Amino acid sequence: ASSTMTSAQLKAANSFTEGSAGAKTVTVTGALTGTTIDATIDTLVLADATNSVTLGAAAQSVTGGTGADTVTMINNATGTINVAGGTNVVNVGDNVDISLATLSKSGTLALNLSGSATSSVTVAAAHLTTANTMTEASGGAKTVTAVGALTGYTLHTAVDTLVLANATNSVTLGAVGQNITGNAGADTVTMIDNATGTINVAGGTNVVNV
């Protein structure tokens, strides 16, 4: 079932209920800001405006418009977050695993490490290659664990330690202090001048390019 409502109506409701189980899509008209999506909603379609929403259930999907959308993820999210056009941000907080979610865009997407100064997140390898950039809410050591093979990827400078999956991976350092932790797969790490980090390729048949 699908319905369309204004952002004011959605925010005014104390809760949502459904008469019958099934996929519910809600299309919003007008900017929607500072809103946690009710768990009854399966897919939220945002207006062509500046929006900021937080998932309220792990399986929820969000479809953006041409505006600037900010979506805050929750742990174990599995839905599809298509921020579409505009300049968009996906927030991932401390110890949040979004590796089963799908991220897509037609505009730009910044993956923002929105947690504390020292935090760890788990993402799909595809998230790293989909994002145009990465940012961090506060400076400090950030550990990113990638799920799935990561190939031809240059680490963003916001990542301090990248933990690779048990797969065939090829990455290039993006900053001199970065660390890489491999797994049982075949990892290829390309170094940069004056690198100071720890490159632990772990098991497998590995290559370090200098």
Protein backbone atom coordinates (compact mmCIF):
# COMPACT_ATOMS: atom_id res chain seq x y z
CA ALA A 1 0.00 0.00 0.00
CA SER A 2 1.15 3.53 -0.76
CA SER A 3 0.11 6.89 0.62
CA THR A 4 1.17 10.52 0.26
CA MET A 5 1.24 13.03 3.10
CA THR A 6 2.86 16.30 4.02
CA SER A 7 5.95 16.37 6.18
CA ALA A 8 3.94 18.25 8.83
CA GLN A 9 1.37 15.46 8.97
CA LEU A 10 4.06 12.84 9.36
CA LYS A 11 5.74 14.76 12.18
CA ALA A 12 2.43 15.51 13.93
CA ALA A 13 1.49 11.85 14.26
CA ASN A 14 2.39 10.24 17.58
CA SER A 15 2.56 6.84 15.93
CA PHE A 16 1.55 4.87 12.86
CA THR A 17 -0.50 1.67 12.68
CA GLU A 18 -1.40 -0.57 9.77
CA GLY A 19 -4.68 -2.32 9.07
CA SER A 20 -2.94 -5.23 7.39
CA ALA A 21 0.61 -6.46 7.18
CA GLY A 22 2.61 -5.79 4.06
CA ALA A 23 4.98 -3.32 2.45
CA LYS A 24 3.94 0.26 3.17
CA THR A 25 5.36 3.15 1.13
CA VAL A 26 4.89 6.73 2.31
CA THR A 27 5.68 9.63 -0.01
CA VAL A 28 6.35 12.94 1.71
CA THR A 29 5.66 16.40 0.29
CA GLY A 30 7.73 19.19 1.79
CA ALA A 31 11.03 19.15 3.66
CA LEU A 32 11.27 16.56 6.44
CA THR A 33 13.93 17.26 9.06
CA GLY A 34 15.00 15.71 12.35
CA THR A 35 12.62 12.79 11.99
CA THR A 36 12.96 9.13 12.98
CA ILE A 37 10.94 7.00 10.61
CA ASP A 38 8.11 5.08 12.27
CA ALA A 39 8.72 1.34 12.20
CA THR A 40 5.42 0.78 10.36
CA ILE A 41 6.80 2.50 7.27
CA ASP A 42 8.76 0.20 4.97
CA THR A 43 9.82 2.74 2.35
CA LEU A 44 9.93 6.50 2.78
CA VAL A 45 10.09 8.64 -0.37
CA LEU A 46 11.45 12.10 0.35
CA ALA A 47 10.56 15.35 -1.39
CA ASP A 48 12.89 17.42 -3.57
CA ALA A 49 14.02 19.38 -0.53
CA THR A 50 16.61 19.41 2.26
CA ASN A 51 15.73 16.40 4.42
CA SER A 52 17.22 14.63 7.44
CA VAL A 53 15.84 11.33 8.69
CA THR A 54 16.91 8.45 10.92
CA LEU A 55 15.94 4.85 10.33
CA GLY A 56 13.48 3.45 12.82
CA ALA A 57 13.75 -0.20 11.79
CA ALA A 58 16.55 -2.21 10.25
CA ALA A 59 14.77 -3.16 7.03
CA GLN A 60 13.54 0.31 6.11
CA SER A 61 14.34 1.86 2.75
CA VAL A 62 14.66 5.55 1.90
CA THR A 63 14.39 7.13 -1.53
CA GLY A 64 15.68 10.68 -1.88
CA GLY A 65 14.90 13.37 -4.42
CA THR A 66 16.98 16.10 -5.99
CA GLY A 67 17.58 17.89 -2.69
CA ALA A 68 20.25 17.38 -0.05
CA ASP A 69 19.30 14.33 2.02
CA THR A 70 20.90 13.17 5.26
CA VAL A 71 20.09 9.62 6.37
CA THR A 72 21.28 8.29 9.72
CA MET A 73 21.69 4.53 9.75
CA ILE A 74 21.06 2.10 12.60
CA ASN A 75 22.83 -1.13 13.48
CA ASN A 76 22.17 -4.11 11.21
CA ALA A 77 20.31 -2.04 8.62
CA THR A 78 19.33 -4.11 5.57
CA GLY A 79 17.25 -1.73 3.45
CA THR A 80 18.04 0.24 0.31
CA ILE A 81 19.10 3.84 0.82
CA ASN A 82 18.93 5.60 -2.54
CA VAL A 83 19.76 9.22 -1.83
CA ALA A 84 19.31 10.00 -5.55
CA GLY A 85 20.30 13.50 -6.68
CA GLY A 86 21.73 16.39 -4.72
CA THR A 87 24.55 16.54 -2.20
CA ASN A 88 23.80 13.82 0.34
CA VAL A 89 25.15 12.38 3.58
CA VAL A 90 24.79 8.93 5.14
CA ASN A 91 25.68 8.91 8.86
CA VAL A 92 27.18 5.79 10.45
CA GLY A 93 27.73 5.91 14.23
CA ASP A 94 29.80 4.00 16.77
CA ASN A 95 29.83 0.21 16.35
CA VAL A 96 27.15 0.35 13.67
CA ASP A 97 27.10 -2.41 11.05
CA ILE A 98 25.41 -1.47 7.76
CA SER A 99 27.08 -4.12 5.64
CA LEU A 100 23.77 -5.69 4.57
CA ALA A 101 22.25 -2.39 3.44
CA THR A 102 22.42 -1.05 -0.12
CA LEU A 103 23.59 2.51 -0.79
CA SER A 104 23.03 4.19 -4.14
CA LYS A 105 22.95 7.70 -5.57
CA SER A 106 22.80 9.72 -8.75
CA GLY A 107 24.18 12.87 -7.11
CA THR A 108 26.94 12.78 -4.52
CA LEU A 109 27.17 10.77 -1.32
CA ALA A 110 29.39 11.44 1.68
CA LEU A 111 29.78 8.58 4.13
CA ASN A 112 30.04 10.36 7.48
CA LEU A 113 31.58 8.59 10.48
CA SER A 114 29.27 10.32 12.92
CA GLY A 115 30.28 8.64 16.15
CA SER A 116 32.85 9.49 18.80
CA ALA A 117 36.49 10.35 18.22
CA THR A 118 37.53 6.70 18.44
CA SER A 119 34.95 4.50 16.76
CA SER A 120 34.54 1.42 14.60
CA VAL A 121 32.02 0.80 11.85
CA THR A 122 31.29 -2.09 9.49
CA VAL A 123 30.29 -1.39 5.91
CA ALA A 124 30.02 -3.25 2.63
CA ALA A 125 32.94 -2.87 0.27
CA ALA A 126 30.45 -1.43 -2.22
CA HIS A 127 29.64 1.38 0.21
CA LEU A 128 33.24 2.55 0.14
CA THR A 129 33.38 2.57 -3.65
CA THR A 130 29.92 4.17 -4.00
CA ALA A 131 30.69 7.08 -1.67
CA ASN A 132 32.21 10.13 -3.32
CA THR A 133 33.93 11.05 -0.07
CA MET A 134 34.12 10.26 3.64
CA THR A 135 33.93 12.64 6.57
CA GLU A 136 34.15 12.33 10.35
CA ALA A 137 32.16 14.17 12.98
CA SER A 138 35.11 14.29 15.37
CA GLY A 139 38.81 13.68 14.90
CA GLY A 140 40.32 10.47 16.19
CA ALA A 141 41.18 6.90 15.26
CA LYS A 142 38.51 5.45 13.01
CA THR A 143 38.43 1.75 12.16
CA VAL A 144 36.40 0.65 9.16
CA THR A 145 35.73 -3.04 8.53
CA ALA A 146 34.84 -3.88 4.93
CA VAL A 147 32.56 -6.81 4.09
CA GLY A 148 33.15 -8.23 0.62
CA ALA A 149 36.03 -7.94 -1.82
CA LEU A 150 37.45 -4.44 -2.15
CA THR A 151 39.44 -3.87 -5.33
CA GLY A 152 41.09 -0.84 -6.88
CA TYR A 153 40.24 1.31 -3.87
CA THR A 154 42.25 4.21 -2.48
CA LEU A 155 41.57 4.70 1.21
CA HIS A 156 39.96 7.97 2.18
CA THR A 157 41.97 9.99 4.67
CA ALA A 158 39.16 9.75 7.26
CA VAL A 159 39.96 6.04 7.66
CA ASP A 160 42.77 5.30 10.10
CA THR A 161 42.57 1.49 10.01
CA LEU A 162 40.92 -0.57 7.28
CA VAL A 163 40.11 -4.19 8.04
CA LEU A 164 39.73 -6.22 4.86
CA ALA A 165 37.38 -9.12 4.25
CA ASN A 166 38.40 -12.73 3.65
CA ALA A 167 38.56 -12.13 -0.10
CA THR A 168 40.85 -10.95 -2.88
CA ASN A 169 41.48 -7.27 -2.16
CA SER A 170 43.59 -4.51 -3.66
CA VAL A 171 43.89 -1.14 -1.94
CA THR A 172 46.15 1.89 -1.98
CA LEU A 173 46.98 3.99 1.05
CA GLY A 174 45.49 7.47 1.04
CA ALA A 175 47.46 8.89 3.99
CA VAL A 176 50.84 8.08 5.48
CA GLY A 177 49.57 7.00 8.90
CA GLN A 178 46.98 4.50 7.72
CA ASN A 179 46.91 0.87 8.84
CA ILE A 180 45.68 -2.18 6.92
CA THR A 181 44.63 -5.48 8.46
CA GLY A 182 44.22 -8.33 6.00
CA ASN A 183 42.44 -11.63 6.31
CA ALA A 184 42.86 -15.12 4.83
CA GLY A 185 42.43 -13.92 1.25
CA ALA A 186 45.00 -12.56 -1.19
CA ASP A 187 45.59 -8.91 -0.39
CA THR A 188 47.51 -6.38 -2.45
CA VAL A 189 48.45 -3.15 -0.69
CA THR A 190 50.07 -0.27 -2.53
CA MET A 191 52.15 1.94 -0.30
CA ILE A 192 52.77 5.69 -0.55
CA ASP A 193 55.84 7.73 0.21
CA ASN A 194 56.69 8.16 3.92
CA ALA A 195 54.06 5.64 5.07
CA THR A 196 54.21 5.04 8.85
CA GLY A 197 51.28 2.70 9.50
CA THR A 198 51.09 -1.02 10.17
CA ILE A 199 50.33 -3.25 7.19
CA ASN A 200 49.35 -6.70 8.46
CA VAL A 201 48.36 -8.68 5.40
CA ALA A 202 47.68 -11.73 7.62
CA GLY A 203 46.99 -15.03 5.82
CA GLY A 204 46.83 -15.80 2.12
CA THR A 205 49.22 -14.98 -0.71
CA ASN A 206 49.78 -11.25 -0.44
CA VAL A 207 51.63 -8.45 -2.21
CA VAL A 208 52.88 -5.10 -0.96
CA ASN A 209 53.64 -2.68 -3.79
CA VAL A 210 56.35 -0.09 -3.20
